[in-house]
Amino acid sequence: MGKQAAERRLDDTEAKAVLRNLRVSPQKLNLVAQMIRGQRADKALATLTFSKRRIARDVKKLLESAIANAENNHQLDVDRLFVKEAFVGKSITMKRFRPRARGRVGRIEKPFSHITVIVREREEQD
């Protein structure tokens, strides 16, 4: 009995990794994701290593995870990988309040976001 195995949604030359509920706004995270889109995997890792943005460390760990998934789960060649997609989505938003003058409150929103990285193996070039 049990559930049928879900069909693989990616090509055989692709692997992905997902990081959920990251404590940063999607807009800021997308700036980091833009830096690595379309780059070779080793160049993207170098870009994230020397980025000044705080969230680049977490995105770097995610990219390393996607590369490890490609190597260990799908037997892809690490030297031929590039970042095919890096997209960001909204998650929850924590609502907090700050006291203001005359008994009022100022609303503070603390957004969370998701990021997905898909790496793909480049075809042989002549």
N, C-alpha and C. Protein backbone atom coordinates (compact mmCIF):
# COMPACT_ATOMS: atom_id res chain seq x y z
N MET A 1 0.87 -1.18 0.00
CA MET A 1 0.00 0.00 0.00
C MET A 1 0.90 1.22 0.00
N GLY A 2 0.52 2.28 0.48
CA GLY A 2 1.38 3.45 0.51
C GLY A 2 1.18 4.33 -0.70
N LYS A 3 1.87 5.40 -0.67
CA LYS A 3 1.72 6.42 -1.70
C LYS A 3 2.63 6.12 -2.89
N GLN A 4 2.17 6.47 -4.09
CA GLN A 4 2.99 6.34 -5.29
C GLN A 4 4.11 7.37 -5.23
N ALA A 5 5.27 6.98 -5.72
CA ALA A 5 6.40 7.91 -5.76
C ALA A 5 6.09 9.01 -6.78
N ALA A 6 6.38 10.23 -6.40
CA ALA A 6 6.13 11.36 -7.29
C ALA A 6 7.13 11.32 -8.44
N GLU A 7 6.68 11.73 -9.60
CA GLU A 7 7.55 11.76 -10.76
C GLU A 7 8.54 12.92 -10.62
N ARG A 8 9.75 12.71 -11.10
CA ARG A 8 10.78 13.75 -11.01
C ARG A 8 10.42 14.90 -11.93
N ARG A 9 10.39 16.12 -11.38
CA ARG A 9 9.97 17.29 -12.16
C ARG A 9 11.11 17.92 -12.93
N LEU A 10 12.33 17.64 -12.52
CA LEU A 10 13.49 18.23 -13.18
C LEU A 10 14.05 17.27 -14.24
N ASP A 11 14.88 17.81 -15.14
CA ASP A 11 15.56 16.96 -16.11
C ASP A 11 16.58 16.08 -15.39
N ASP A 12 17.12 15.11 -16.13
CA ASP A 12 18.14 14.24 -15.55
C ASP A 12 19.46 14.97 -15.32
N THR A 13 19.64 16.12 -15.97
CA THR A 13 20.89 16.87 -15.83
C THR A 13 20.75 18.02 -14.84
N GLU A 14 19.71 17.99 -13.99
CA GLU A 14 19.46 19.08 -13.06
C GLU A 14 19.34 18.57 -11.62
N ALA A 15 19.68 19.44 -10.69
CA ALA A 15 19.51 19.16 -9.27
C ALA A 15 19.11 20.46 -8.59
N LYS A 16 18.38 20.34 -7.47
CA LYS A 16 17.96 21.57 -6.79
C LYS A 16 18.10 21.46 -5.29
N ALA A 17 18.08 22.62 -4.65
CA ALA A 17 18.08 22.72 -3.20
C ALA A 17 17.18 23.89 -2.83
N VAL A 18 16.46 23.74 -1.71
CA VAL A 18 15.50 24.76 -1.28
C VAL A 18 15.81 25.16 0.16
N LEU A 19 15.78 26.46 0.41
CA LEU A 19 15.95 26.98 1.77
C LEU A 19 14.68 27.73 2.13
N ARG A 20 14.04 27.31 3.19
CA ARG A 20 12.75 27.88 3.56
C ARG A 20 12.86 28.71 4.84
N ASN A 21 11.94 29.69 4.96
CA ASN A 21 11.82 30.53 6.15
C ASN A 21 13.14 31.19 6.56
N LEU A 22 13.67 31.91 5.61
CA LEU A 22 14.90 32.66 5.81
C LEU A 22 14.52 34.05 6.28
N ARG A 23 15.12 34.54 7.36
CA ARG A 23 14.70 35.80 7.98
C ARG A 23 15.31 37.00 7.26
N VAL A 24 14.78 37.25 6.06
CA VAL A 24 15.19 38.41 5.26
C VAL A 24 14.04 38.68 4.30
N SER A 25 13.91 39.92 3.86
CA SER A 25 12.81 40.23 2.95
C SER A 25 13.11 39.64 1.57
N PRO A 26 12.08 39.25 0.84
CA PRO A 26 12.29 38.68 -0.50
C PRO A 26 13.01 39.65 -1.43
N GLN A 27 12.78 40.94 -1.26
CA GLN A 27 13.41 41.93 -2.13
C GLN A 27 14.93 41.94 -1.94
N LYS A 28 15.38 41.88 -0.70
CA LYS A 28 16.81 41.86 -0.42
C LYS A 28 17.44 40.53 -0.86
N LEU A 29 16.73 39.44 -0.65
CA LEU A 29 17.24 38.13 -1.04
C LEU A 29 17.34 38.01 -2.56
N ASN A 30 16.42 38.63 -3.27
CA ASN A 30 16.44 38.56 -4.72
C ASN A 30 17.66 39.28 -5.30
N LEU A 31 18.15 40.30 -4.62
CA LEU A 31 19.37 40.98 -5.08
C LEU A 31 20.56 40.02 -5.08
N VAL A 32 20.63 39.16 -4.06
CA VAL A 32 21.71 38.18 -3.99
C VAL A 32 21.49 37.08 -5.02
N ALA A 33 20.24 36.66 -5.20
CA ALA A 33 19.94 35.61 -6.19
C ALA A 33 20.28 36.09 -7.60
N GLN A 34 20.07 37.38 -7.87
CA GLN A 34 20.38 37.93 -9.19
C GLN A 34 21.86 37.84 -9.49
N MET A 35 22.70 37.97 -8.46
CA MET A 35 24.14 37.95 -8.67
C MET A 35 24.63 36.62 -9.23
N ILE A 36 23.94 35.50 -8.88
CA ILE A 36 24.46 34.18 -9.26
C ILE A 36 23.71 33.53 -10.42
N ARG A 37 22.59 34.11 -10.84
CA ARG A 37 21.82 33.49 -11.93
C ARG A 37 22.66 33.38 -13.20
N GLY A 38 22.70 32.18 -13.78
CA GLY A 38 23.39 31.97 -15.04
C GLY A 38 24.89 31.78 -14.93
N GLN A 39 25.47 31.93 -13.74
CA GLN A 39 26.91 31.78 -13.57
C GLN A 39 27.30 30.33 -13.42
N ARG A 40 28.56 30.02 -13.74
CA ARG A 40 29.09 28.69 -13.44
C ARG A 40 29.11 28.51 -11.93
N ALA A 41 28.99 27.28 -11.47
CA ALA A 41 28.85 27.02 -10.03
C ALA A 41 30.05 27.51 -9.24
N ASP A 42 31.26 27.28 -9.74
CA ASP A 42 32.44 27.71 -8.99
C ASP A 42 32.56 29.23 -8.95
N LYS A 43 32.18 29.89 -10.04
CA LYS A 43 32.22 31.36 -10.07
C LYS A 43 31.14 31.95 -9.15
N ALA A 44 29.97 31.30 -9.09
CA ALA A 44 28.89 31.75 -8.21
C ALA A 44 29.29 31.62 -6.74
N LEU A 45 29.99 30.53 -6.40
CA LEU A 45 30.47 30.36 -5.03
C LEU A 45 31.47 31.46 -4.66
N ALA A 46 32.35 31.80 -5.59
CA ALA A 46 33.32 32.87 -5.34
C ALA A 46 32.60 34.21 -5.17
N THR A 47 31.59 34.46 -5.99
CA THR A 47 30.81 35.70 -5.90
C THR A 47 30.16 35.83 -4.53
N LEU A 48 29.56 34.74 -4.05
CA LEU A 48 28.88 34.76 -2.75
C LEU A 48 29.88 34.86 -1.60
N THR A 49 31.05 34.26 -1.76
CA THR A 49 32.06 34.29 -0.71
C THR A 49 32.50 35.73 -0.42
N PHE A 50 32.65 36.53 -1.48
CA PHE A 50 33.17 37.88 -1.30
C PHE A 50 32.09 38.95 -1.32
N SER A 51 30.84 38.55 -1.26
CA SER A 51 29.74 39.51 -1.21
C SER A 51 29.67 40.12 0.20
N LYS A 52 29.31 41.39 0.27
CA LYS A 52 29.22 42.07 1.57
C LYS A 52 27.88 41.86 2.25
N ARG A 53 26.92 41.31 1.54
CA ARG A 53 25.58 41.15 2.11
C ARG A 53 25.55 40.00 3.11
N ARG A 54 24.86 40.23 4.23
CA ARG A 54 24.78 39.22 5.29
C ARG A 54 24.18 37.92 4.81
N ILE A 55 23.16 38.00 3.99
CA ILE A 55 22.40 36.82 3.59
C ILE A 55 23.16 35.97 2.58
N ALA A 56 24.25 36.50 2.01
CA ALA A 56 25.03 35.76 1.01
C ALA A 56 25.63 34.48 1.61
N ARG A 57 25.92 34.48 2.92
CA ARG A 57 26.46 33.27 3.56
C ARG A 57 25.46 32.13 3.49
N ASP A 58 24.18 32.42 3.76
CA ASP A 58 23.17 31.37 3.71
C ASP A 58 22.92 30.90 2.28
N VAL A 59 22.95 31.81 1.33
CA VAL A 59 22.75 31.44 -0.08
C VAL A 59 23.92 30.60 -0.56
N LYS A 60 25.11 30.90 -0.06
CA LYS A 60 26.30 30.10 -0.43
C LYS A 60 26.14 28.67 0.07
N LYS A 61 25.68 28.51 1.31
CA LYS A 61 25.45 27.16 1.86
C LYS A 61 24.41 26.42 1.03
N LEU A 62 23.39 27.14 0.59
CA LEU A 62 22.34 26.53 -0.23
C LEU A 62 22.91 26.08 -1.57
N LEU A 63 23.74 26.90 -2.20
CA LEU A 63 24.34 26.55 -3.47
C LEU A 63 25.26 25.34 -3.32
N GLU A 64 26.02 25.30 -2.23
CA GLU A 64 26.87 24.14 -1.96
C GLU A 64 26.03 22.88 -1.80
N SER A 65 24.86 23.01 -1.18
CA SER A 65 23.95 21.88 -1.02
C SER A 65 23.42 21.40 -2.37
N ALA A 66 23.07 22.35 -3.25
CA ALA A 66 22.58 21.98 -4.59
C ALA A 66 23.68 21.27 -5.38
N ILE A 67 24.92 21.72 -5.24
CA ILE A 67 26.04 21.08 -5.93
C ILE A 67 26.26 19.67 -5.38
N ALA A 68 26.16 19.52 -4.06
CA ALA A 68 26.31 18.20 -3.44
C ALA A 68 25.18 17.26 -3.87
N ASN A 69 23.95 17.79 -3.98
CA ASN A 69 22.84 16.98 -4.47
C ASN A 69 23.10 16.50 -5.89
N ALA A 70 23.63 17.38 -6.72
CA ALA A 70 23.91 17.02 -8.11
C ALA A 70 24.96 15.91 -8.17
N GLU A 71 25.97 16.03 -7.33
CA GLU A 71 27.06 15.07 -7.37
C GLU A 71 26.65 13.72 -6.77
N ASN A 72 26.03 13.75 -5.59
CA ASN A 72 25.76 12.50 -4.87
C ASN A 72 24.47 11.81 -5.29
N ASN A 73 23.42 12.58 -5.56
CA ASN A 73 22.12 11.97 -5.86
C ASN A 73 21.92 11.71 -7.35
N HIS A 74 22.54 12.54 -8.20
CA HIS A 74 22.26 12.45 -9.64
C HIS A 74 23.51 12.19 -10.47
N GLN A 75 24.67 11.98 -9.84
CA GLN A 75 25.93 11.65 -10.50
C GLN A 75 26.26 12.62 -11.64
N LEU A 76 26.15 13.92 -11.37
CA LEU A 76 26.49 14.94 -12.37
C LEU A 76 27.93 15.41 -12.14
N ASP A 77 28.55 15.91 -13.20
CA ASP A 77 29.93 16.39 -13.14
C ASP A 77 29.95 17.79 -12.52
N VAL A 78 30.62 17.95 -11.40
CA VAL A 78 30.62 19.21 -10.66
C VAL A 78 31.27 20.33 -11.47
N ASP A 79 32.27 20.00 -12.26
CA ASP A 79 33.01 21.02 -13.02
C ASP A 79 32.19 21.62 -14.14
N ARG A 80 31.10 20.96 -14.56
CA ARG A 80 30.29 21.47 -15.67
C ARG A 80 28.96 22.05 -15.21
N LEU A 81 28.79 22.26 -13.91
CA LEU A 81 27.52 22.78 -13.39
C LEU A 81 27.44 24.29 -13.51
N PHE A 82 26.23 24.79 -13.75
CA PHE A 82 25.97 26.22 -13.69
C PHE A 82 24.62 26.45 -13.04
N VAL A 83 24.38 27.66 -12.55
CA VAL A 83 23.13 27.98 -11.87
C VAL A 83 22.08 28.28 -12.95
N LYS A 84 21.15 27.36 -13.13
CA LYS A 84 20.11 27.55 -14.14
C LYS A 84 19.05 28.53 -13.65
N GLU A 85 18.59 28.30 -12.41
CA GLU A 85 17.57 29.16 -11.82
C GLU A 85 17.91 29.44 -10.37
N ALA A 86 17.56 30.63 -9.93
CA ALA A 86 17.63 30.99 -8.51
C ALA A 86 16.45 31.93 -8.29
N PHE A 87 15.39 31.42 -7.68
CA PHE A 87 14.22 32.27 -7.50
C PHE A 87 13.81 32.33 -6.04
N VAL A 88 13.12 33.43 -5.72
CA VAL A 88 12.79 33.78 -4.34
C VAL A 88 11.27 33.87 -4.21
N GLY A 89 10.76 33.43 -3.07
CA GLY A 89 9.33 33.52 -2.81
C GLY A 89 9.07 34.07 -1.42
N LYS A 90 7.87 34.61 -1.23
CA LYS A 90 7.48 35.14 0.07
C LYS A 90 7.10 34.02 1.01
N SER A 91 7.34 34.24 2.28
CA SER A 91 6.93 33.30 3.31
C SER A 91 6.06 34.06 4.30
N ILE A 92 6.14 33.70 5.56
CA ILE A 92 5.32 34.36 6.57
C ILE A 92 5.85 35.76 6.86
N THR A 93 5.06 36.55 7.52
CA THR A 93 5.48 37.87 8.00
C THR A 93 5.08 37.97 9.47
N MET A 94 6.06 38.16 10.34
CA MET A 94 5.75 38.37 11.75
C MET A 94 5.33 39.81 11.94
N LYS A 95 4.24 40.02 12.67
CA LYS A 95 3.77 41.37 12.95
C LYS A 95 4.13 41.73 14.39
N ARG A 96 4.81 42.84 14.54
CA ARG A 96 5.19 43.33 15.86
C ARG A 96 4.74 44.78 15.98
N PHE A 97 4.65 45.27 17.20
CA PHE A 97 4.18 46.64 17.41
C PHE A 97 5.16 47.40 18.29
N ARG A 98 5.30 48.66 18.00
CA ARG A 98 6.19 49.54 18.76
C ARG A 98 5.36 50.70 19.30
N PRO A 99 5.48 50.98 20.58
CA PRO A 99 4.69 52.08 21.14
C PRO A 99 5.11 53.43 20.55
N ARG A 100 4.14 54.23 20.25
CA ARG A 100 4.39 55.57 19.71
C ARG A 100 3.74 56.60 20.64
N ALA A 101 3.82 57.84 20.26
CA ALA A 101 3.31 58.91 21.12
C ALA A 101 1.79 58.86 21.22
N ARG A 102 1.28 59.38 22.31
CA ARG A 102 -0.15 59.56 22.57
C ARG A 102 -0.93 58.25 22.48
N GLY A 103 -0.32 57.16 22.98
CA GLY A 103 -1.03 55.89 23.09
C GLY A 103 -1.22 55.14 21.79
N ARG A 104 -0.55 55.54 20.76
CA ARG A 104 -0.70 54.84 19.47
C ARG A 104 0.39 53.78 19.33
N VAL A 105 0.27 53.00 18.26
CA VAL A 105 1.28 51.97 18.00
C VAL A 105 1.78 52.12 16.57
N GLY A 106 3.04 51.76 16.38
CA GLY A 106 3.62 51.68 15.05
C GLY A 106 3.80 50.22 14.71
N ARG A 107 3.29 49.82 13.57
CA ARG A 107 3.36 48.42 13.18
C ARG A 107 4.71 48.12 12.54
N ILE A 108 5.33 47.03 12.96
CA ILE A 108 6.59 46.57 12.39
C ILE A 108 6.34 45.21 11.78
N GLU A 109 6.72 45.03 10.52
CA GLU A 109 6.57 43.74 9.85
C GLU A 109 7.95 43.14 9.63
N LYS A 110 8.10 41.89 10.02
CA LYS A 110 9.37 41.19 9.86
C LYS A 110 9.17 40.05 8.87
N PRO A 111 9.53 40.27 7.61
CA PRO A 111 9.24 39.28 6.57
C PRO A 111 10.24 38.12 6.55
N PHE A 112 9.77 36.98 6.09
CA PHE A 112 10.59 35.79 5.85
C PHE A 112 10.45 35.45 4.37
N SER A 113 11.38 34.66 3.85
CA SER A 113 11.29 34.29 2.44
C SER A 113 11.89 32.91 2.20
N HIS A 114 11.60 32.35 1.02
CA HIS A 114 12.14 31.07 0.57
C HIS A 114 13.05 31.35 -0.61
N ILE A 115 14.05 30.49 -0.82
CA ILE A 115 14.86 30.57 -2.03
C ILE A 115 15.11 29.16 -2.55
N THR A 116 15.04 29.02 -3.87
CA THR A 116 15.28 27.75 -4.54
C THR A 116 16.39 27.96 -5.57
N VAL A 117 17.36 27.06 -5.56
CA VAL A 117 18.46 27.11 -6.54
C VAL A 117 18.45 25.80 -7.32
N ILE A 118 18.46 25.92 -8.65
CA ILE A 118 18.52 24.77 -9.54
C ILE A 118 19.82 24.86 -10.33
N VAL A 119 20.63 23.81 -10.22
CA VAL A 119 21.87 23.75 -11.00
C VAL A 119 21.70 22.74 -12.12
N ARG A 120 22.37 23.01 -13.22
CA ARG A 120 22.25 22.14 -14.39
C ARG A 120 23.64 21.85 -14.94
N GLU A 121 23.79 20.65 -15.50
CA GLU A 121 25.06 20.27 -16.11
C GLU A 121 25.09 20.77 -17.55
N ARG A 122 26.15 21.48 -17.89
CA ARG A 122 26.30 22.02 -19.24
C ARG A 122 26.66 20.89 -20.20
N GLU A 123 26.12 20.96 -21.42
CA GLU A 123 26.43 19.94 -22.42
C GLU A 123 27.89 20.07 -22.84
N GLU A 124 28.40 18.98 -23.40
CA GLU A 124 29.78 18.98 -23.91
C GLU A 124 29.93 20.03 -24.98
N GLN A 125 30.99 20.81 -24.91
CA GLN A 125 31.24 21.83 -25.92
C GLN A 125 32.41 21.39 -26.79
N ASP A 126 32.28 21.60 -28.10
CA ASP A 126 33.32 21.13 -29.03
C ASP A 126 34.56 21.97 -28.98
